[in-house]
N, C-alpha and C. Protein backbone atom coordinates (compact mmCIF):
# COMPACT_ATOMS: atom_id res chain seq x y z
N MET A 1 183.31 69.09 53.12
CA MET A 1 184.45 69.24 54.01
C MET A 1 185.66 69.65 53.20
N ALA A 2 186.48 70.52 53.74
CA ALA A 2 187.69 70.92 53.04
C ALA A 2 188.68 69.76 53.08
N GLN A 3 189.21 69.46 51.94
CA GLN A 3 190.18 68.37 51.84
C GLN A 3 191.34 68.85 50.98
N GLU A 4 192.46 68.14 51.08
CA GLU A 4 193.58 68.45 50.21
C GLU A 4 193.21 68.06 48.80
N GLY A 5 193.57 68.90 47.82
CA GLY A 5 193.20 68.62 46.45
C GLY A 5 193.96 69.50 45.49
N THR A 6 193.23 70.07 44.54
CA THR A 6 193.87 70.75 43.43
C THR A 6 193.95 72.26 43.55
N GLY A 7 193.57 72.85 44.64
CA GLY A 7 193.76 74.27 44.79
C GLY A 7 192.53 75.12 44.56
N ALA A 8 191.43 74.76 45.13
CA ALA A 8 190.20 75.52 44.98
C ALA A 8 190.12 76.62 46.02
N MET A 9 189.18 77.51 45.83
CA MET A 9 188.79 78.53 46.78
C MET A 9 189.91 79.49 47.17
N GLY A 10 190.91 79.63 46.36
CA GLY A 10 191.94 80.61 46.64
C GLY A 10 192.97 80.15 47.66
N VAL A 11 192.82 78.96 48.18
CA VAL A 11 193.75 78.43 49.15
C VAL A 11 194.36 77.17 48.55
N PRO A 12 195.68 77.14 48.35
CA PRO A 12 196.30 75.98 47.73
C PRO A 12 195.91 74.68 48.44
N GLY A 13 195.49 73.69 47.64
CA GLY A 13 195.18 72.39 48.18
C GLY A 13 193.75 72.22 48.67
N ALA A 14 192.92 73.25 48.63
CA ALA A 14 191.56 73.14 49.17
C ALA A 14 190.58 72.62 48.13
N GLU A 15 189.74 71.72 48.55
CA GLU A 15 188.63 71.20 47.75
C GLU A 15 187.43 71.13 48.68
N PHE A 16 186.26 71.46 48.15
CA PHE A 16 185.05 71.40 48.97
C PHE A 16 184.11 70.36 48.42
N ARG A 17 183.56 69.57 49.31
CA ARG A 17 182.60 68.54 48.94
C ARG A 17 181.67 68.34 50.12
N GLY A 18 180.55 67.73 49.83
CA GLY A 18 179.61 67.42 50.90
C GLY A 18 178.40 68.33 50.89
N VAL A 19 177.36 67.87 51.57
CA VAL A 19 176.08 68.57 51.68
C VAL A 19 175.82 68.84 53.15
N THR A 20 175.50 70.09 53.47
CA THR A 20 175.21 70.47 54.85
C THR A 20 173.88 71.20 54.90
N GLN A 21 172.96 70.71 55.71
CA GLN A 21 171.69 71.39 55.88
C GLN A 21 171.85 72.45 56.96
N LEU A 22 171.40 73.66 56.63
CA LEU A 22 171.56 74.80 57.52
C LEU A 22 170.26 75.60 57.56
N ALA A 23 170.27 76.69 58.30
CA ALA A 23 169.11 77.58 58.36
C ALA A 23 169.57 79.02 58.30
N LEU A 24 168.84 79.83 57.54
CA LEU A 24 169.06 81.28 57.57
C LEU A 24 168.35 81.83 58.80
N ASP A 25 168.95 82.82 59.45
CA ASP A 25 168.25 83.44 60.58
C ASP A 25 167.25 84.47 60.05
N ALA A 26 166.55 85.12 60.94
CA ALA A 26 165.50 86.07 60.56
C ALA A 26 166.03 87.24 59.73
N LYS A 27 167.32 87.54 59.86
CA LYS A 27 167.92 88.64 59.10
C LYS A 27 168.54 88.18 57.79
N GLY A 28 168.46 86.89 57.50
CA GLY A 28 169.02 86.37 56.26
C GLY A 28 170.49 86.01 56.36
N ARG A 29 170.98 85.79 57.57
CA ARG A 29 172.38 85.43 57.76
C ARG A 29 172.54 83.91 57.74
N LEU A 30 173.66 83.49 57.18
CA LEU A 30 174.01 82.08 57.09
C LEU A 30 175.28 81.84 57.90
N ALA A 31 175.23 80.87 58.80
CA ALA A 31 176.42 80.50 59.57
C ALA A 31 177.19 79.46 58.76
N ILE A 32 178.38 79.84 58.29
CA ILE A 32 179.23 78.92 57.55
C ILE A 32 179.77 77.88 58.53
N PRO A 33 179.65 76.59 58.19
CA PRO A 33 180.18 75.56 59.10
C PRO A 33 181.66 75.81 59.43
N GLY A 34 182.01 75.59 60.68
CA GLY A 34 183.37 75.86 61.15
C GLY A 34 184.46 75.20 60.33
N ARG A 35 184.21 73.99 59.84
CA ARG A 35 185.24 73.26 59.09
C ARG A 35 185.59 73.93 57.77
N HIS A 36 184.74 74.86 57.30
CA HIS A 36 184.99 75.52 56.01
C HIS A 36 185.46 76.97 56.15
N ARG A 37 185.33 77.56 57.30
CA ARG A 37 185.54 79.00 57.44
C ARG A 37 186.92 79.48 57.02
N GLU A 38 187.96 78.92 57.58
CA GLU A 38 189.31 79.40 57.28
C GLU A 38 189.67 79.17 55.82
N THR A 39 189.34 78.00 55.31
CA THR A 39 189.68 77.70 53.93
C THR A 39 188.87 78.56 52.96
N LEU A 40 187.60 78.80 53.27
CA LEU A 40 186.75 79.60 52.40
C LEU A 40 187.21 81.04 52.32
N THR A 41 187.63 81.61 53.43
CA THR A 41 188.01 83.02 53.43
C THR A 41 189.49 83.24 53.16
N GLY A 42 190.31 82.20 53.20
CA GLY A 42 191.75 82.36 52.95
C GLY A 42 192.44 82.94 54.16
N THR A 43 193.72 83.20 54.00
CA THR A 43 194.50 83.70 55.13
C THR A 43 195.22 85.00 54.81
N SER A 44 194.91 85.60 53.65
CA SER A 44 195.56 86.84 53.25
C SER A 44 195.20 87.98 54.19
N ASP A 45 196.15 88.88 54.43
CA ASP A 45 195.86 90.06 55.23
C ASP A 45 194.97 91.04 54.48
N HIS A 46 194.92 90.95 53.14
CA HIS A 46 194.09 91.83 52.32
C HIS A 46 192.68 91.24 52.25
N GLU A 47 191.77 91.82 53.01
CA GLU A 47 190.38 91.39 53.05
C GLU A 47 190.25 89.87 53.26
N PRO A 48 190.74 89.37 54.39
CA PRO A 48 190.78 87.93 54.59
C PRO A 48 189.41 87.27 54.70
N ARG A 49 188.36 88.03 54.94
CA ARG A 49 187.04 87.44 55.14
C ARG A 49 186.08 87.83 54.02
N ALA A 50 186.60 88.32 52.90
CA ALA A 50 185.77 88.78 51.80
C ALA A 50 185.31 87.63 50.91
N LEU A 51 184.01 87.58 50.67
CA LEU A 51 183.40 86.57 49.81
C LEU A 51 182.53 87.24 48.77
N ILE A 52 182.26 86.52 47.70
CA ILE A 52 181.32 86.97 46.67
C ILE A 52 180.18 85.96 46.64
N VAL A 53 178.96 86.47 46.66
CA VAL A 53 177.78 85.63 46.49
C VAL A 53 177.11 86.10 45.21
N THR A 54 176.77 85.17 44.33
CA THR A 54 176.13 85.53 43.07
C THR A 54 175.08 84.49 42.69
N ALA A 55 174.29 84.85 41.69
CA ALA A 55 173.23 83.99 41.19
C ALA A 55 173.79 82.94 40.24
N ASP A 56 173.14 81.80 40.20
CA ASP A 56 173.47 80.73 39.26
C ASP A 56 172.24 80.48 38.40
N PRO A 57 172.42 80.13 37.12
CA PRO A 57 171.25 79.89 36.26
C PRO A 57 170.30 78.81 36.80
N SER A 58 170.77 77.94 37.68
CA SER A 58 169.92 76.88 38.25
C SER A 58 169.05 77.36 39.39
N ARG A 59 169.05 78.65 39.66
CA ARG A 59 168.27 79.26 40.75
C ARG A 59 168.79 78.90 42.13
N CYS A 60 170.09 78.68 42.21
CA CYS A 60 170.75 78.59 43.50
C CYS A 60 171.73 79.75 43.56
N LEU A 61 172.48 79.87 44.63
CA LEU A 61 173.51 80.90 44.74
C LEU A 61 174.88 80.23 44.76
N LEU A 62 175.88 80.97 44.30
CA LEU A 62 177.26 80.51 44.32
C LEU A 62 178.03 81.37 45.31
N ILE A 63 178.91 80.74 46.09
CA ILE A 63 179.72 81.45 47.08
C ILE A 63 181.18 81.19 46.77
N TYR A 64 181.92 82.29 46.53
CA TYR A 64 183.34 82.25 46.21
C TYR A 64 184.10 83.22 47.12
N PRO A 65 185.37 82.94 47.43
CA PRO A 65 186.21 84.00 48.01
C PRO A 65 186.52 85.00 46.90
N ARG A 66 186.71 86.24 47.26
CA ARG A 66 186.97 87.28 46.26
C ARG A 66 188.16 86.94 45.38
N ALA A 67 189.22 86.39 45.97
CA ALA A 67 190.43 86.08 45.21
C ALA A 67 190.17 85.05 44.11
N THR A 68 189.21 84.18 44.30
CA THR A 68 188.86 83.20 43.29
C THR A 68 187.90 83.80 42.26
N TRP A 69 186.98 84.63 42.72
CA TRP A 69 185.95 85.22 41.85
C TRP A 69 186.53 86.23 40.86
N GLU A 70 187.43 87.09 41.29
CA GLU A 70 187.89 88.19 40.44
C GLU A 70 188.47 87.74 39.10
N PRO A 71 189.33 86.72 39.03
CA PRO A 71 189.82 86.29 37.72
C PRO A 71 188.70 85.71 36.85
N MET A 72 187.74 85.03 37.48
CA MET A 72 186.62 84.48 36.71
C MET A 72 185.77 85.61 36.13
N GLN A 73 185.53 86.63 36.94
CA GLN A 73 184.75 87.78 36.46
C GLN A 73 185.48 88.47 35.31
N ALA A 74 186.77 88.64 35.44
CA ALA A 74 187.55 89.29 34.38
C ALA A 74 187.47 88.50 33.08
N ARG A 75 187.57 87.17 33.15
CA ARG A 75 187.46 86.33 31.95
C ARG A 75 186.09 86.44 31.32
N LEU A 76 185.05 86.42 32.16
CA LEU A 76 183.68 86.52 31.65
C LEU A 76 183.44 87.87 30.99
N MET A 77 183.91 88.93 31.62
CA MET A 77 183.68 90.28 31.08
C MET A 77 184.54 90.56 29.85
N ALA A 78 185.59 89.78 29.62
CA ALA A 78 186.43 89.95 28.43
C ALA A 78 185.77 89.35 27.19
N LEU A 79 184.72 88.53 27.39
CA LEU A 79 184.01 87.95 26.25
C LEU A 79 183.14 89.02 25.59
N SER A 80 182.80 88.80 24.35
CA SER A 80 182.02 89.77 23.59
C SER A 80 180.60 89.92 24.13
N SER A 81 180.23 91.14 24.48
CA SER A 81 178.87 91.39 24.93
C SER A 81 177.91 91.53 23.75
N PHE A 82 178.42 91.41 22.52
CA PHE A 82 177.56 91.44 21.34
C PHE A 82 176.82 90.12 21.16
N ASN A 83 177.32 89.06 21.78
CA ASN A 83 176.65 87.77 21.75
C ASN A 83 175.60 87.79 22.87
N GLU A 84 174.32 87.63 22.51
CA GLU A 84 173.24 87.75 23.50
C GLU A 84 173.33 86.73 24.63
N ALA A 85 173.74 85.50 24.32
CA ALA A 85 173.85 84.47 25.36
C ALA A 85 174.94 84.85 26.36
N ILE A 86 176.06 85.35 25.85
CA ILE A 86 177.16 85.78 26.74
C ILE A 86 176.70 86.97 27.57
N ARG A 87 176.06 87.92 26.92
CA ARG A 87 175.60 89.13 27.62
C ARG A 87 174.61 88.77 28.73
N ALA A 88 173.73 87.82 28.45
CA ALA A 88 172.77 87.39 29.47
C ALA A 88 173.48 86.77 30.67
N LEU A 89 174.50 85.96 30.40
CA LEU A 89 175.26 85.34 31.48
C LEU A 89 176.05 86.40 32.26
N GLN A 90 176.62 87.38 31.58
CA GLN A 90 177.32 88.47 32.26
C GLN A 90 176.36 89.22 33.18
N ARG A 91 175.17 89.51 32.68
CA ARG A 91 174.17 90.21 33.50
C ARG A 91 173.82 89.40 34.74
N LEU A 92 173.62 88.10 34.54
CA LEU A 92 173.22 87.26 35.66
C LEU A 92 174.33 87.15 36.70
N LEU A 93 175.51 86.70 36.26
CA LEU A 93 176.59 86.41 37.21
C LEU A 93 177.23 87.65 37.80
N VAL A 94 177.60 88.60 36.95
CA VAL A 94 178.29 89.80 37.45
C VAL A 94 177.28 90.80 38.02
N GLY A 95 176.14 90.92 37.34
CA GLY A 95 175.12 91.85 37.81
C GLY A 95 174.58 91.50 39.19
N HIS A 96 174.49 90.22 39.49
CA HIS A 96 173.99 89.80 40.80
C HIS A 96 175.10 89.60 41.83
N ALA A 97 176.35 89.66 41.42
CA ALA A 97 177.46 89.42 42.36
C ALA A 97 177.46 90.49 43.45
N ASP A 98 177.57 90.04 44.67
CA ASP A 98 177.55 90.95 45.81
C ASP A 98 178.69 90.59 46.76
N ASP A 99 179.42 91.60 47.20
CA ASP A 99 180.49 91.41 48.18
C ASP A 99 179.86 91.24 49.55
N VAL A 100 180.27 90.19 50.25
CA VAL A 100 179.82 89.99 51.62
C VAL A 100 181.05 89.71 52.47
N GLU A 101 180.92 89.95 53.75
CA GLU A 101 182.04 89.70 54.65
C GLU A 101 181.59 88.78 55.78
N MET A 102 182.42 87.81 56.09
CA MET A 102 182.11 86.91 57.19
C MET A 102 182.40 87.64 58.50
N ASP A 103 181.43 87.60 59.40
CA ASP A 103 181.63 88.27 60.68
C ASP A 103 182.45 87.38 61.62
N GLY A 104 182.69 87.86 62.81
CA GLY A 104 183.54 87.15 63.77
C GLY A 104 182.99 85.81 64.21
N THR A 105 181.69 85.58 64.02
CA THR A 105 181.10 84.30 64.40
C THR A 105 180.89 83.39 63.20
N GLY A 106 181.43 83.77 62.03
CA GLY A 106 181.36 82.93 60.86
C GLY A 106 180.08 83.05 60.05
N ARG A 107 179.34 84.14 60.24
CA ARG A 107 178.10 84.33 59.50
C ARG A 107 178.30 85.29 58.33
N ILE A 108 177.54 85.06 57.26
CA ILE A 108 177.48 86.01 56.15
C ILE A 108 176.02 86.39 55.94
N LEU A 109 175.81 87.63 55.54
CA LEU A 109 174.47 88.11 55.23
C LEU A 109 174.21 87.86 53.75
N ILE A 110 173.19 87.07 53.46
CA ILE A 110 172.80 86.83 52.07
C ILE A 110 171.90 88.00 51.68
N PRO A 111 172.31 88.81 50.69
CA PRO A 111 171.53 89.99 50.32
C PRO A 111 170.08 89.63 49.94
N PRO A 112 169.13 90.49 50.30
CA PRO A 112 167.71 90.20 50.04
C PRO A 112 167.41 89.87 48.57
N ALA A 113 167.99 90.59 47.63
CA ALA A 113 167.71 90.31 46.21
C ALA A 113 168.16 88.91 45.82
N LEU A 114 169.28 88.47 46.36
CA LEU A 114 169.76 87.12 46.05
C LEU A 114 168.93 86.06 46.77
N ARG A 115 168.49 86.34 47.99
CA ARG A 115 167.59 85.40 48.67
C ARG A 115 166.30 85.23 47.87
N GLN A 116 165.79 86.32 47.36
CA GLN A 116 164.57 86.26 46.56
C GLN A 116 164.81 85.49 45.26
N TYR A 117 165.90 85.77 44.57
CA TYR A 117 166.22 85.09 43.32
C TYR A 117 166.23 83.57 43.50
N ALA A 118 166.89 83.10 44.57
CA ALA A 118 167.05 81.67 44.80
C ALA A 118 165.90 81.07 45.60
N GLY A 119 164.94 81.89 46.02
CA GLY A 119 163.81 81.39 46.80
C GLY A 119 164.22 80.90 48.18
N LEU A 120 165.22 81.53 48.78
CA LEU A 120 165.70 81.11 50.10
C LEU A 120 164.85 81.74 51.18
N ASP A 121 164.35 80.91 52.07
CA ASP A 121 163.53 81.40 53.16
C ASP A 121 164.21 81.09 54.49
N HIS A 122 164.15 79.86 54.92
CA HIS A 122 164.75 79.51 56.20
C HIS A 122 165.67 78.29 56.05
N ARG A 123 165.13 77.18 55.59
CA ARG A 123 165.91 75.94 55.46
C ARG A 123 166.68 75.97 54.15
N VAL A 124 168.01 75.83 54.25
CA VAL A 124 168.88 75.88 53.07
C VAL A 124 169.87 74.72 53.11
N VAL A 125 170.51 74.49 51.96
CA VAL A 125 171.50 73.44 51.85
C VAL A 125 172.76 74.03 51.22
N LEU A 126 173.90 73.83 51.88
CA LEU A 126 175.19 74.27 51.38
C LEU A 126 175.87 73.07 50.75
N VAL A 127 176.19 73.17 49.45
CA VAL A 127 176.71 72.03 48.69
C VAL A 127 178.12 72.35 48.19
N GLY A 128 179.10 71.59 48.65
CA GLY A 128 180.47 71.76 48.17
C GLY A 128 180.58 71.29 46.73
N GLN A 129 181.18 72.12 45.89
CA GLN A 129 181.34 71.82 44.46
C GLN A 129 182.79 72.01 44.04
N GLY A 130 183.71 71.49 44.82
CA GLY A 130 185.12 71.58 44.48
C GLY A 130 185.68 72.96 44.72
N SER A 131 185.50 73.86 43.78
CA SER A 131 186.10 75.20 43.88
C SER A 131 185.15 76.26 44.41
N LYS A 132 183.94 75.87 44.78
CA LYS A 132 182.95 76.84 45.25
C LYS A 132 181.90 76.09 46.07
N PHE A 133 180.97 76.87 46.61
CA PHE A 133 179.78 76.32 47.24
C PHE A 133 178.56 76.76 46.47
N GLU A 134 177.55 75.90 46.43
CA GLU A 134 176.22 76.28 45.99
C GLU A 134 175.35 76.37 47.23
N LEU A 135 174.44 77.34 47.24
CA LEU A 135 173.49 77.48 48.34
C LEU A 135 172.10 77.35 47.75
N TRP A 136 171.37 76.33 48.20
CA TRP A 136 170.06 75.98 47.66
C TRP A 136 168.98 76.10 48.72
N ASP A 137 167.77 76.43 48.30
CA ASP A 137 166.59 76.23 49.11
C ASP A 137 166.47 74.73 49.32
N ASP A 138 166.12 74.30 50.52
CA ASP A 138 166.08 72.87 50.85
C ASP A 138 165.15 72.09 49.91
N THR A 139 163.97 72.60 49.64
CA THR A 139 163.02 71.91 48.77
C THR A 139 163.55 71.81 47.35
N LYS A 140 164.10 72.91 46.84
CA LYS A 140 164.65 72.90 45.48
C LYS A 140 165.83 71.94 45.37
N TRP A 141 166.64 71.83 46.44
CA TRP A 141 167.76 70.90 46.43
C TRP A 141 167.27 69.46 46.33
N ARG A 142 166.24 69.12 47.09
CA ARG A 142 165.70 67.77 47.03
C ARG A 142 165.15 67.47 45.63
N GLU A 143 164.48 68.45 45.02
CA GLU A 143 163.97 68.27 43.65
C GLU A 143 165.13 68.09 42.67
N GLN A 144 166.17 68.88 42.82
CA GLN A 144 167.35 68.79 41.95
C GLN A 144 168.00 67.41 42.09
N THR A 145 168.09 66.92 43.30
CA THR A 145 168.68 65.61 43.54
C THR A 145 167.85 64.52 42.88
N GLU A 146 166.54 64.60 42.97
CA GLU A 146 165.67 63.62 42.32
C GLU A 146 165.87 63.62 40.81
N ARG A 147 165.96 64.80 40.20
CA ARG A 147 166.21 64.88 38.75
C ARG A 147 167.56 64.29 38.40
N ALA A 148 168.55 64.48 39.26
CA ALA A 148 169.90 63.99 38.97
C ALA A 148 169.99 62.47 38.99
N ILE A 149 169.13 61.83 39.73
CA ILE A 149 169.23 60.37 39.83
C ILE A 149 168.25 59.64 38.93
N THR A 150 167.44 60.36 38.17
CA THR A 150 166.50 59.72 37.26
C THR A 150 166.81 60.15 35.83
N PHE A 151 167.54 59.28 35.12
CA PHE A 151 167.86 59.54 33.72
C PHE A 151 166.81 58.87 32.85
N PRO A 152 166.22 59.60 31.92
CA PRO A 152 165.31 58.94 30.98
C PRO A 152 166.10 57.96 30.11
N ALA A 153 165.40 57.03 29.48
CA ALA A 153 166.06 56.03 28.62
C ALA A 153 167.00 56.72 27.65
N GLY A 154 168.25 56.31 27.65
CA GLY A 154 169.24 56.90 26.75
C GLY A 154 169.65 58.31 27.13
N GLY A 155 169.29 58.75 28.33
CA GLY A 155 169.54 60.13 28.72
C GLY A 155 170.84 60.39 29.44
N ILE A 156 171.66 59.38 29.60
CA ILE A 156 172.94 59.60 30.27
C ILE A 156 173.84 60.38 29.31
N PRO A 157 174.41 61.49 29.77
CA PRO A 157 175.28 62.29 28.88
C PRO A 157 176.43 61.45 28.33
N PRO A 158 176.78 61.65 27.06
CA PRO A 158 177.86 60.86 26.45
C PRO A 158 179.19 61.01 27.16
N GLU A 159 179.40 62.14 27.82
CA GLU A 159 180.66 62.36 28.56
C GLU A 159 180.82 61.37 29.70
N LEU A 160 179.70 60.76 30.14
CA LEU A 160 179.77 59.80 31.24
C LEU A 160 179.93 58.36 30.77
N ASN A 161 179.92 58.11 29.47
CA ASN A 161 180.14 56.75 28.96
C ASN A 161 181.50 56.26 29.42
N GLY A 162 181.52 55.09 30.01
CA GLY A 162 182.77 54.52 30.50
C GLY A 162 183.16 55.00 31.88
N PHE A 163 182.43 55.96 32.45
CA PHE A 163 182.72 56.46 33.79
C PHE A 163 182.16 55.48 34.82
N SER A 164 182.95 55.14 35.81
CA SER A 164 182.53 54.18 36.81
C SER A 164 182.85 54.73 38.19
N LEU A 165 181.94 54.48 39.11
CA LEU A 165 182.18 54.90 40.51
C LEU A 165 182.79 53.77 41.29
């Protein structure tokens, strides 16, 4: 749900959180939940419904408004492509980035190549991640959640030491 926060998604004060189970239609379109539409697309007169969908190394998709994506892309592309790890990430994120537009009913078309990359068929999960959304295949999301809640002995990242909910 969009909440007041630190300024995500190109709209001052927007933060995204929560998990929503959805379905792609036969054409690969995703209906963005109404509570996220305005905040996700912004209110600018310049391409107000423009979004970027790209691949994530975790085999899910990332959804950004163009205004949020463009500075990130510029920073990534300013890094040295002589470093193979950086070059691989540039290929993945920028190479797979696709411009999509939300239609009047709040749907976006997930491009076929990105649906294939993430293994999206029909049942999907939209996951708010503060400044963006992740789009997961439902089965892969459940597997990811199981891995997230089972830490092997001593496997809690050191950055979480002292962190309390």
